Amino acid sequence: MCDQLGLDTHSTGSTISFAMEAWERGLISAKDTDGLILRWGNIDPVIQLVRKIAYREGFGDILAEGSKRASMEIKGSESCLVETKGLECSNYYPGIDQNKGQR
């Protein structure tokens, strides 16, 4: 879906993860997210959010420029960030076996 909409999969996934962490910590609510319930494992809102990000609709407009910028809009969410120099970090690490460490 990200590819079809012209979105970077890593940045989009990490930004949505940021929003879900902010939700879990109580920093945002359904009032902020256009009624989307961003609990971990709740896939339907994620699909809707990808579309909202691509078209900059509602809460998607806040996330469209990435998690660093979104953290400036969501009070207290800086601790939810996983970024380096403003770019989201990928959540996979080629060459590292998660059980054994670096290969």
PDB file of N, CA and C in Angstrom:
ATOM      1  N   MET A   1       0.826  -1.187   0.000  1.00  0.00           N
ATOM      2  CA  MET A   1       0.000   0.000   0.000  1.00  0.00           C
ATOM      3  C   MET A   1       0.878   1.262   0.000  1.00  0.00           C
ATOM      4  N   CYS A   2       1.945   1.259   0.810  1.00  0.00           N
ATOM      5  CA  CYS A   2       2.862   2.405   0.816  1.00  0.00           C
ATOM      6  C   CYS A   2       3.464   2.617  -0.566  1.00  0.00           C
ATOM      7  N   ASP A   3       3.901   1.545  -1.198  1.00  0.00           N
ATOM      8  CA  ASP A   3       4.486   1.658  -2.534  1.00  0.00           C
ATOM      9  C   ASP A   3       3.485   2.259  -3.513  1.00  0.00           C
ATOM     10  N   GLN A   4       2.246   1.815  -3.461  1.00  0.00           N
ATOM     11  CA  GLN A   4       1.224   2.331  -4.373  1.00  0.00           C
ATOM     12  C   GLN A   4       0.933   3.808  -4.135  1.00  0.00           C
ATOM     13  N   LEU A   5       1.091   4.255  -2.884  1.00  0.00           N
ATOM     14  CA  LEU A   5       0.792   5.641  -2.543  1.00  0.00           C
ATOM     15  C   LEU A   5       2.025   6.550  -2.554  1.00  0.00           C
ATOM     16  N   GLY A   6       3.198   5.972  -2.866  1.00  0.00           N
ATOM     17  CA  GLY A   6       4.423   6.762  -2.952  1.00  0.00           C
ATOM     18  C   GLY A   6       5.040   7.102  -1.609  1.00  0.00           C
ATOM     19  N   LEU A   7       4.823   6.255  -0.608  1.00  0.00           N
ATOM     20  CA  LEU A   7       5.370   6.486   0.721  1.00  0.00           C
ATOM     21  C   LEU A   7       6.533   5.548   0.997  1.00  0.00           C
ATOM     22  N   ASP A   8       7.526   6.037   1.710  1.00  0.00           N
ATOM     23  CA  ASP A   8       8.626   5.193   2.144  1.00  0.00           C
ATOM     24  C   ASP A   8       8.110   4.254   3.234  1.00  0.00           C
ATOM     25  N   THR A   9       8.323   2.965   3.053  1.00  0.00           N
ATOM     26  CA  THR A   9       7.772   1.982   3.989  1.00  0.00           C
ATOM     27  C   THR A   9       8.395   2.085   5.378  1.00  0.00           C
ATOM     28  N   HIS A  10       9.694   2.322   5.448  1.00  0.00           N
ATOM     29  CA  HIS A  10      10.354   2.397   6.754  1.00  0.00           C
ATOM     30  C   HIS A  10       9.898   3.629   7.537  1.00  0.00           C
ATOM     31  N   SER A  11       9.919   4.774   6.898  1.00  0.00           N
ATOM     32  CA  SER A  11       9.503   6.005   7.584  1.00  0.00           C
ATOM     33  C   SER A  11       8.035   5.954   7.979  1.00  0.00           C
ATOM     34  N   THR A  12       7.195   5.451   7.090  1.00  0.00           N
ATOM     35  CA  THR A  12       5.766   5.375   7.385  1.00  0.00           C
ATOM     36  C   THR A  12       5.505   4.420   8.540  1.00  0.00           C
ATOM     37  N   GLY A  13       6.114   3.239   8.483  1.00  0.00           N
ATOM     38  CA  GLY A  13       5.925   2.266   9.559  1.00  0.00           C
ATOM     39  C   GLY A  13       6.428   2.778  10.894  1.00  0.00           C
ATOM     40  N   SER A  14       7.584   3.409  10.892  1.00  0.00           N
ATOM     41  CA  SER A  14       8.142   3.944  12.134  1.00  0.00           C
ATOM     42  C   SER A  14       7.319   5.109  12.661  1.00  0.00           C
ATOM     43  N   THR A  15       6.806   5.928  11.778  1.00  0.00           N
ATOM     44  CA  THR A  15       5.978   7.059  12.202  1.00  0.00           C
ATOM     45  C   THR A  15       4.664   6.566  12.795  1.00  0.00           C
ATOM     46  N   ILE A  16       4.082   5.553  12.195  1.00  0.00           N
ATOM     47  CA  ILE A  16       2.857   4.970  12.758  1.00  0.00           C
ATOM     48  C   ILE A  16       3.164   4.316  14.105  1.00  0.00           C
ATOM     49  N   SER A  17       4.313   3.668  14.217  1.00  0.00           N
ATOM     50  CA  SER A  17       4.717   3.090  15.506  1.00  0.00           C
ATOM     51  C   SER A  17       4.856   4.177  16.565  1.00  0.00           C
ATOM     52  N   PHE A  18       5.426   5.303  16.179  1.00  0.00           N
ATOM     53  CA  PHE A  18       5.533   6.451  17.079  1.00  0.00           C
ATOM     54  C   PHE A  18       4.140   6.869  17.568  1.00  0.00           C
ATOM     55  N   ALA A  19       3.195   6.976  16.633  1.00  0.00           N
ATOM     56  CA  ALA A  19       1.836   7.389  16.993  1.00  0.00           C
ATOM     57  C   ALA A  19       1.184   6.356  17.911  1.00  0.00           C
ATOM     58  N   MET A  20       1.423   5.084  17.647  1.00  0.00           N
ATOM     59  CA  MET A  20       0.845   4.032  18.495  1.00  0.00           C
ATOM     60  C   MET A  20       1.445   4.082  19.901  1.00  0.00           C
ATOM     61  N   GLU A  21       2.722   4.357  19.994  1.00  0.00           N
ATOM     62  CA  GLU A  21       3.357   4.478  21.315  1.00  0.00           C
ATOM     63  C   GLU A  21       2.797   5.693  22.061  1.00  0.00           C
ATOM     64  N   ALA A  22       2.602   6.787  21.348  1.00  0.00           N
ATOM     65  CA  ALA A  22       2.002   7.975  21.957  1.00  0.00           C
ATOM     66  C   ALA A  22       0.584   7.655  22.452  1.00  0.00           C
ATOM     67  N   TRP A  23      -0.153   6.865  21.689  1.00  0.00           N
ATOM     68  CA  TRP A  23      -1.502   6.437  22.095  1.00  0.00           C
ATOM     69  C   TRP A  23      -1.421   5.612  23.379  1.00  0.00           C
ATOM     70  N   GLU A  24      -0.544   4.613  23.375  1.00  0.00           N
ATOM     71  CA  GLU A  24      -0.419   3.715  24.526  1.00  0.00           C
ATOM     72  C   GLU A  24      -0.018   4.462  25.793  1.00  0.00           C
ATOM     73  N   ARG A  25       0.738   5.537  25.646  1.00  0.00           N
ATOM     74  CA  ARG A  25       1.165   6.337  26.803  1.00  0.00           C
ATOM     75  C   ARG A  25       0.135   7.394  27.188  1.00  0.00           C
ATOM     76  N   GLY A  26      -0.975   7.442  26.446  1.00  0.00           N
ATOM     77  CA  GLY A  26      -2.041   8.377  26.768  1.00  0.00           C
ATOM     78  C   GLY A  26      -1.792   9.802  26.325  1.00  0.00           C
ATOM     79  N   LEU A  27      -0.861   9.991  25.391  1.00  0.00           N
ATOM     80  CA  LEU A  27      -0.532  11.340  24.916  1.00  0.00           C
ATOM     81  C   LEU A  27      -1.487  11.818  23.831  1.00  0.00           C
ATOM     82  N   ILE A  28      -2.141  10.885  23.159  1.00  0.00           N
ATOM     83  CA  ILE A  28      -3.165  11.202  22.163  1.00  0.00           C
ATOM     84  C   ILE A  28      -4.347  10.272  22.404  1.00  0.00           C
ATOM     85  N   SER A  29      -5.494  10.675  21.897  1.00  0.00           N
ATOM     86  CA  SER A  29      -6.714   9.884  22.064  1.00  0.00           C
ATOM     87  C   SER A  29      -7.474   9.855  20.742  1.00  0.00           C
ATOM     88  N   ALA A  30      -8.597   9.179  20.729  1.00  0.00           N
ATOM     89  CA  ALA A  30      -9.429   9.100  19.523  1.00  0.00           C
ATOM     90  C   ALA A  30      -9.846  10.491  19.047  1.00  0.00           C
ATOM     91  N   LYS A  31      -9.944  11.426  19.972  1.00  0.00           N
ATOM     92  CA  LYS A  31     -10.278  12.807  19.604  1.00  0.00           C
ATOM     93  C   LYS A  31      -9.196  13.403  18.694  1.00  0.00           C
ATOM     94  N   ASP A  32      -7.944  13.033  18.942  1.00  0.00           N
ATOM     95  CA  ASP A  32      -6.811  13.549  18.156  1.00  0.00           C
ATOM     96  C   ASP A  32      -6.615  12.798  16.846  1.00  0.00           C
ATOM     97  N   THR A  33      -7.030  11.531  16.797  1.00  0.00           N
ATOM     98  CA  THR A  33      -6.700  10.648  15.670  1.00  0.00           C
ATOM     99  C   THR A  33      -7.865  10.413  14.715  1.00  0.00           C
ATOM    100  N   ASP A  34      -8.820  11.310  14.710  1.00  0.00           N
ATOM    101  CA  ASP A  34      -9.995  11.173  13.841  1.00  0.00           C
ATOM    102  C   ASP A  34     -10.793   9.915  14.183  1.00  0.00           C
ATOM    103  N   GLY A  35     -10.784   9.536  15.452  1.00  0.00           N
ATOM    104  CA  GLY A  35     -11.552   8.377  15.890  1.00  0.00           C
ATOM    105  C   GLY A  35     -10.829   7.044  15.757  1.00  0.00           C
ATOM    106  N   LEU A  36      -9.606   7.048  15.224  1.00  0.00           N
ATOM    107  CA  LEU A  36      -8.850   5.800  15.076  1.00  0.00           C
ATOM    108  C   LEU A  36      -8.307   5.357  16.429  1.00  0.00           C
ATOM    109  N   ILE A  37      -8.456   4.074  16.728  1.00  0.00           N
ATOM    110  CA  ILE A  37      -7.952   3.487  17.974  1.00  0.00           C
ATOM    111  C   ILE A  37      -6.594   2.877  17.650  1.00  0.00           C
ATOM    112  N   LEU A  38      -5.522   3.525  18.075  1.00  0.00           N
ATOM    113  CA  LEU A  38      -4.163   3.133  17.676  1.00  0.00           C
ATOM    114  C   LEU A  38      -3.480   2.203  18.680  1.00  0.00           C
ATOM    115  N   ARG A  39      -4.204   1.211  19.169  1.00  0.00           N
ATOM    116  CA  ARG A  39      -3.599   0.220  20.062  1.00  0.00           C
ATOM    117  C   ARG A  39      -2.711  -0.719  19.261  1.00  0.00           C
ATOM    118  N   TRP A  40      -1.622  -1.176  19.895  1.00  0.00           N
ATOM    119  CA  TRP A  40      -0.727  -2.146  19.249  1.00  0.00           C
ATOM    120  C   TRP A  40      -1.532  -3.362  18.813  1.00  0.00           C
ATOM    121  N   GLY A  41      -1.298  -3.807  17.577  1.00  0.00           N
ATOM    122  CA  GLY A  41      -1.961  -4.987  17.043  1.00  0.00           C
ATOM    123  C   GLY A  41      -3.289  -4.702  16.364  1.00  0.00           C
ATOM    124  N   ASN A  42      -3.763  -3.480  16.425  1.00  0.00           N
ATOM    125  CA  ASN A  42      -5.036  -3.096  15.814  1.00  0.00           C
ATOM    126  C   ASN A  42      -4.763  -2.647  14.374  1.00  0.00           C
ATOM    127  N   ILE A  43      -4.875  -3.575  13.423  1.00  0.00           N
ATOM    128  CA  ILE A  43      -4.413  -3.349  12.045  1.00  0.00           C
ATOM    129  C   ILE A  43      -5.322  -2.436  11.208  1.00  0.00           C
ATOM    130  N   ASP A  44      -6.629  -2.503  11.393  1.00  0.00           N
ATOM    131  CA  ASP A  44      -7.532  -1.706  10.549  1.00  0.00           C
ATOM    132  C   ASP A  44      -7.243  -0.206  10.626  1.00  0.00           C
ATOM    133  N   PRO A  45      -7.038   0.361  11.810  1.00  0.00           N
ATOM    134  CA  PRO A  45      -6.687   1.788  11.855  1.00  0.00           C
ATOM    135  C   PRO A  45      -5.350   2.099  11.179  1.00  0.00           C
ATOM    136  N   VAL A  46      -4.425   1.149  11.198  1.00  0.00           N
ATOM    137  CA  VAL A  46      -3.130   1.370  10.538  1.00  0.00           C
ATOM    138  C   VAL A  46      -3.341   1.533   9.038  1.00  0.00           C
ATOM    139  N   ILE A  47      -4.151   0.689   8.467  1.00  0.00           N
ATOM    140  CA  ILE A  47      -4.445   0.774   7.032  1.00  0.00           C
ATOM    141  C   ILE A  47      -5.083   2.128   6.709  1.00  0.00           C
ATOM    142  N   GLN A  48      -6.019   2.551   7.541  1.00  0.00           N
ATOM    143  CA  GLN A  48      -6.657   3.852   7.328  1.00  0.00           C
ATOM    144  C   GLN A  48      -5.646   4.991   7.492  1.00  0.00           C
ATOM    145  N   LEU A  49      -4.747   4.833   8.451  1.00  0.00           N
ATOM    146  CA  LEU A  49      -3.764   5.886   8.715  1.00  0.00           C
ATOM    147  C   LEU A  49      -2.764   6.037   7.571  1.00  0.00           C
ATOM    148  N   VAL A  50      -2.373   4.940   6.939  1.00  0.00           N
ATOM    149  CA  VAL A  50      -1.467   5.021   5.783  1.00  0.00           C
ATOM    150  C   VAL A  50      -2.103   5.895   4.703  1.00  0.00           C
ATOM    151  N   ARG A  51      -3.354   5.666   4.445  1.00  0.00           N
ATOM    152  CA  ARG A  51      -4.074   6.454   3.440  1.00  0.00           C
ATOM    153  C   ARG A  51      -4.167   7.935   3.868  1.00  0.00           C
ATOM    154  N   LYS A  52      -4.466   8.172   5.143  1.00  0.00           N
ATOM    155  CA  LYS A  52      -4.566   9.538   5.646  1.00  0.00           C
ATOM    156  C   LYS A  52      -3.223  10.268   5.550  1.00  0.00           C
ATOM    157  N   ILE A  53      -2.122   9.552   5.791  1.00  0.00           N
ATOM    158  CA  ILE A  53      -0.790  10.152   5.665  1.00  0.00           C
ATOM    159  C   ILE A  53      -0.533  10.532   4.207  1.00  0.00           C
ATOM    160  N   ALA A  54      -0.816   9.620   3.297  1.00  0.00           N
ATOM    161  CA  ALA A  54      -0.567   9.872   1.875  1.00  0.00           C
ATOM    162  C   ALA A  54      -1.346  11.086   1.363  1.00  0.00           C
ATOM    163  N   TYR A  55      -2.577  11.240   1.822  1.00  0.00           N
ATOM    164  CA  TYR A  55      -3.420  12.322   1.342  1.00  0.00           C
ATOM    165  C   TYR A  55      -3.486  13.510   2.303  1.00  0.00           C
ATOM    166  N   ARG A  56      -2.663  13.439   3.371  1.00  0.00           N
ATOM    167  CA  ARG A  56      -2.569  14.517   4.371  1.00  0.00           C
ATOM    168  C   ARG A  56      -3.939  14.898   4.909  1.00  0.00           C
ATOM    169  N   GLU A  57      -4.690  13.900   5.279  1.00  0.00           N
ATOM    170  CA  GLU A  57      -6.037  14.105   5.807  1.00  0.00           C
ATOM    171  C   GLU A  57      -6.037  13.983   7.328  1.00  0.00           C
ATOM    172  N   GLY A  58      -6.637  14.943   8.007  1.00  0.00           N
ATOM    173  CA  GLY A  58      -6.804  14.874   9.455  1.00  0.00           C
ATOM    174  C   GLY A  58      -5.505  14.583  10.189  1.00  0.00           C
ATOM    175  N   PHE A  59      -5.519  13.553  11.059  1.00  0.00           N
ATOM    176  CA  PHE A  59      -4.345  13.189  11.841  1.00  0.00           C
ATOM    177  C   PHE A  59      -3.185  12.778  10.936  1.00  0.00           C
ATOM    178  N   GLY A  60      -3.488  12.263   9.753  1.00  0.00           N
ATOM    179  CA  GLY A  60      -2.451  11.893   8.798  1.00  0.00           C
ATOM    180  C   GLY A  60      -1.601  13.078   8.374  1.00  0.00           C
ATOM    181  N   ASP A  61      -2.188  14.260   8.370  1.00  0.00           N
ATOM    182  CA  ASP A  61      -1.431  15.461   8.006  1.00  0.00           C
ATOM    183  C   ASP A  61      -0.348  15.751   9.044  1.00  0.00           C
ATOM    184  N   ILE A  62      -0.628  15.467  10.308  1.00  0.00           N
ATOM    185  CA  ILE A  62       0.365  15.672  11.373  1.00  0.00           C
ATOM    186  C   ILE A  62       1.524  14.686  11.204  1.00  0.00           C
ATOM    187  N   LEU A  63       1.219  13.463  10.774  1.00  0.00           N
ATOM    188  CA  LEU A  63       2.242  12.428  10.631  1.00  0.00           C
ATOM    189  C   LEU A  63       2.966  12.455   9.285  1.00  0.00           C
ATOM    190  N   ALA A  64       2.429  13.166   8.317  1.00  0.00           N
ATOM    191  CA  ALA A  64       2.944  13.120   6.946  1.00  0.00           C
ATOM    192  C   ALA A  64       4.392  13.562   6.803  1.00  0.00           C
ATOM    193  N   GLU A  65       4.873  14.384   7.696  1.00  0.00           N
ATOM    194  CA  GLU A  65       6.269  14.841   7.610  1.00  0.00           C
ATOM    195  C   GLU A  65       7.183  14.087   8.566  1.00  0.00           C
ATOM    196  N   GLY A  66       6.687  12.985   9.118  1.00  0.00           N
ATOM    197  CA  GLY A  66       7.511  12.125   9.954  1.00  0.00           C
ATOM    198  C   GLY A  66       7.301  12.323  11.439  1.00  0.00           C
ATOM    199  N   SER A  67       7.883  11.404  12.194  1.00  0.00           N
ATOM    200  CA  SER A  67       7.664  11.391  13.639  1.00  0.00           C
ATOM    201  C   SER A  67       8.342  12.558  14.358  1.00  0.00           C
ATOM    202  N   LYS A  68       9.483  13.000  13.884  1.00  0.00           N
ATOM    203  CA  LYS A  68      10.173  14.127  14.537  1.00  0.00           C
ATOM    204  C   LYS A  68       9.294  15.378  14.508  1.00  0.00           C
ATOM    205  N   ARG A  69       8.750  15.685  13.346  1.00  0.00           N
ATOM    206  CA  ARG A  69       7.864  16.855  13.231  1.00  0.00           C
ATOM    207  C   ARG A  69       6.574  16.634  14.013  1.00  0.00           C
ATOM    208  N   ALA A  70       6.040  15.408  13.956  1.00  0.00           N
ATOM    209  CA  ALA A  70       4.809  15.109  14.690  1.00  0.00           C
ATOM    210  C   ALA A  70       5.021  15.275  16.187  1.00  0.00           C
ATOM    211  N   SER A  71       6.221  14.941  16.664  1.00  0.00           N
ATOM    212  CA  SER A  71       6.490  15.066  18.099  1.00  0.00           C
ATOM    213  C   SER A  71       6.444  16.525  18.552  1.00  0.00           C
ATOM    214  N   MET A  72       6.646  17.436  17.636  1.00  0.00           N
ATOM    215  CA  MET A  72       6.560  18.856  17.967  1.00  0.00           C
ATOM    216  C   MET A  72       5.100  19.288  18.156  1.00  0.00           C
ATOM    217  N   GLU A  73       4.190  18.517  17.582  1.00  0.00           N
ATOM    218  CA  GLU A  73       2.754  18.818  17.678  1.00  0.00           C
ATOM    219  C   GLU A  73       2.076  18.060  18.826  1.00  0.00           C
ATOM    220  N   ILE A  74       2.659  16.936  19.223  1.00  0.00           N
ATOM    221  CA  ILE A  74       2.054  16.089  20.259  1.00  0.00           C
ATOM    222  C   ILE A  74       2.844  16.272  21.545  1.00  0.00           C
ATOM    223  N   LYS A  75       2.283  17.023  22.467  1.00  0.00           N
ATOM    224  CA  LYS A  75       2.977  17.377  23.710  1.00  0.00           C
ATOM    225  C   LYS A  75       3.415  16.128  24.488  1.00  0.00           C
ATOM    226  N   GLY A  76       4.690  16.117  24.869  1.00  0.00           N
ATOM    227  CA  GLY A  76       5.234  15.040  25.681  1.00  0.00           C
ATOM    228  C   GLY A  76       5.637  13.790  24.921  1.00  0.00           C
ATOM    229  N   SER A  77       5.547  13.820  23.600  1.00  0.00           N
ATOM    230  CA  SER A  77       5.796  12.600  22.817  1.00  0.00           C
ATOM    231  C   SER A  77       7.247  12.409  22.393  1.00  0.00           C
ATOM    232  N   GLU A  78       8.122  13.320  22.756  1.00  0.00           N
ATOM    233  CA  GLU A  78       9.520  13.211  22.341  1.00  0.00           C
ATOM    234  C   GLU A  78      10.141  11.892  22.788  1.00  0.00           C
ATOM    235  N   SER A  79       9.706  11.383  23.926  1.00  0.00           N
ATOM    236  CA  SER A  79      10.264  10.122  24.433  1.00  0.00           C
ATOM    237  C   SER A  79       9.807   8.916  23.621  1.00  0.00           C
ATOM    238  N   CYS A  80       8.855   9.097  22.726  1.00  0.00           N
ATOM    239  CA  CYS A  80       8.375   8.014  21.861  1.00  0.00           C
ATOM    240  C   CYS A  80       9.182   7.915  20.569  1.00  0.00           C
ATOM    241  N   LEU A  81      10.047   8.902  20.318  1.00  0.00           N
ATOM    242  CA  LEU A  81      10.800   8.965  19.066  1.00  0.00           C
ATOM    243  C   LEU A  81      11.894   7.905  18.978  1.00  0.00           C
ATOM    244  N   VAL A  82      12.033   7.338  17.783  1.00  0.00           N
ATOM    245  CA  VAL A  82      13.182   6.508  17.434  1.00  0.00           C
ATOM    246  C   VAL A  82      13.684   7.087  16.119  1.00  0.00           C
ATOM    247  N   GLU A  83      14.649   8.011  16.222  1.00  0.00           N
ATOM    248  CA  GLU A  83      15.137   8.722  15.038  1.00  0.00           C
ATOM    249  C   GLU A  83      16.590   9.100  15.205  1.00  0.00           C
ATOM    250  N   THR A  84      17.222   9.385  14.070  1.00  0.00           N
ATOM    251  CA  THR A  84      18.579   9.903  14.037  1.00  0.00           C
ATOM    252  C   THR A  84      18.602  11.045  13.039  1.00  0.00           C
ATOM    253  N   LYS A  85      18.982  12.218  13.504  1.00  0.00           N
ATOM    254  CA  LYS A  85      19.039  13.413  12.662  1.00  0.00           C
ATOM    255  C   LYS A  85      17.715  13.667  11.943  1.00  0.00           C
ATOM    256  N   GLY A  86      16.607  13.379  12.628  1.00  0.00           N
ATOM    257  CA  GLY A  86      15.284  13.645  12.088  1.00  0.00           C
ATOM    258  C   GLY A  86      14.708  12.571  11.194  1.00  0.00           C
ATOM    259  N   LEU A  87      15.451  11.508  10.953  1.00  0.00           N
ATOM    260  CA  LEU A  87      14.968  10.427  10.095  1.00  0.00           C
ATOM    261  C   LEU A  87      14.647   9.201  10.941  1.00  0.00           C
ATOM    262  N   GLU A  88      13.501   8.610  10.682  1.00  0.00           N
ATOM    263  CA  GLU A  88      13.087   7.433  11.425  1.00  0.00           C
ATOM    264  C   GLU A  88      14.075   6.292  11.230  1.00  0.00           C
ATOM    265  N   CYS A  89      14.282   5.537  12.282  1.00  0.00           N
ATOM    266  CA  CYS A  89      15.169   4.374  12.213  1.00  0.00           C
ATOM    267  C   CYS A  89      14.374   3.154  11.767  1.00  0.00           C
ATOM    268  N   SER A  90      15.006   2.354  10.953  1.00  0.00           N
ATOM    269  CA  SER A  90      14.376   1.120  10.495  1.00  0.00           C
ATOM    270  C   SER A  90      14.307   0.137  11.659  1.00  0.00           C
ATOM    271  N   ASN A  91      13.312  -0.699  11.661  1.00  0.00           N
ATOM    272  CA  ASN A  91      13.153  -1.669  12.741  1.00  0.00           C
ATOM    273  C   ASN A  91      13.665  -3.048  12.378  1.00  0.00           C
ATOM    274  N   TYR A  92      14.502  -3.122  11.384  1.00  0.00           N
ATOM    275  CA  TYR A  92      15.167  -4.385  11.100  1.00  0.00           C
ATOM    276  C   TYR A  92      16.637  -4.091  10.888  1.00  0.00           C
ATOM    277  N   TYR A  93      17.462  -5.060  11.196  1.00  0.00           N
ATOM    278  CA  TYR A  93      18.892  -4.857  11.134  1.00  0.00           C
ATOM    279  C   TYR A  93      19.533  -5.992  10.356  1.00  0.00           C
ATOM    280  N   PRO A  94      19.785  -5.801   9.063  1.00  0.00           N
ATOM    281  CA  PRO A  94      20.424  -6.861   8.291  1.00  0.00           C
ATOM    282  C   PRO A  94      21.805  -7.173   8.867  1.00  0.00           C
ATOM    283  N   GLY A  95      22.126  -8.419   8.923  1.00  0.00           N
ATOM    284  CA  GLY A  95      23.433  -8.818   9.423  1.00  0.00           C
ATOM    285  C   GLY A  95      23.469  -9.040  10.917  1.00  0.00           C
ATOM    286  N   ILE A  96      22.354  -8.819  11.587  1.00  0.00           N
ATOM    287  CA  ILE A  96      22.319  -9.049  13.032  1.00  0.00           C
ATOM    288  C   ILE A  96      21.271 -10.109  13.330  1.00  0.00           C
ATOM    289  N   ASP A  97      21.688 -11.161  13.950  1.00  0.00           N
ATOM    290  CA  ASP A  97      20.771 -12.187  14.423  1.00  0.00           C
ATOM    291  C   ASP A  97      20.272 -11.725  15.792  1.00  0.00           C
ATOM    292  N   GLN A  98      18.993 -11.471  15.904  1.00  0.00           N
ATOM    293  CA  GLN A  98      18.437 -10.911  17.144  1.00  0.00           C
ATOM    294  C   GLN A  98      18.725 -11.788  18.365  1.00  0.00           C
ATOM    295  N   ASN A  99      18.948 -13.072  18.152  1.00  0.00           N
ATOM    296  CA  ASN A  99      19.199 -13.979  19.277  1.00  0.00           C
ATOM    297  C   ASN A  99      20.681 -14.104  19.615  1.00  0.00           C
ATOM    298  N   LYS A 100      21.563 -13.824  18.629  1.00  0.00           N
ATOM    299  CA  LYS A 100      22.984 -14.061  18.835  1.00  0.00           C
ATOM    300  C   LYS A 100      23.834 -12.795  18.769  1.00  0.00           C
ATOM    301  N   GLY A 101      23.279 -11.692  18.352  1.00  0.00           N
ATOM    302  CA  GLY A 101      24.069 -10.467  18.200  1.00  0.00           C
ATOM    303  C   GLY A 101      24.601 -10.336  16.780  1.00  0.00           C
ATOM    304  N   GLN A 102      25.565  -9.490  16.602  1.00  0.00           N
ATOM    305  CA  GLN A 102      26.100  -9.202  15.270  1.00  0.00           C
ATOM    306  C   GLN A 102      26.805 -10.399  14.688  1.00  0.00           C
ATOM    307  N   ARG A 103      26.597 -10.605  13.378  1.00  0.00           N
ATOM    308  CA  ARG A 103      27.247 -11.739  12.684  1.00  0.00           C
ATOM    309  C   ARG A 103      28.616 -11.367  12.240  1.00  0.00           C
TER     310      ARG A 103
END
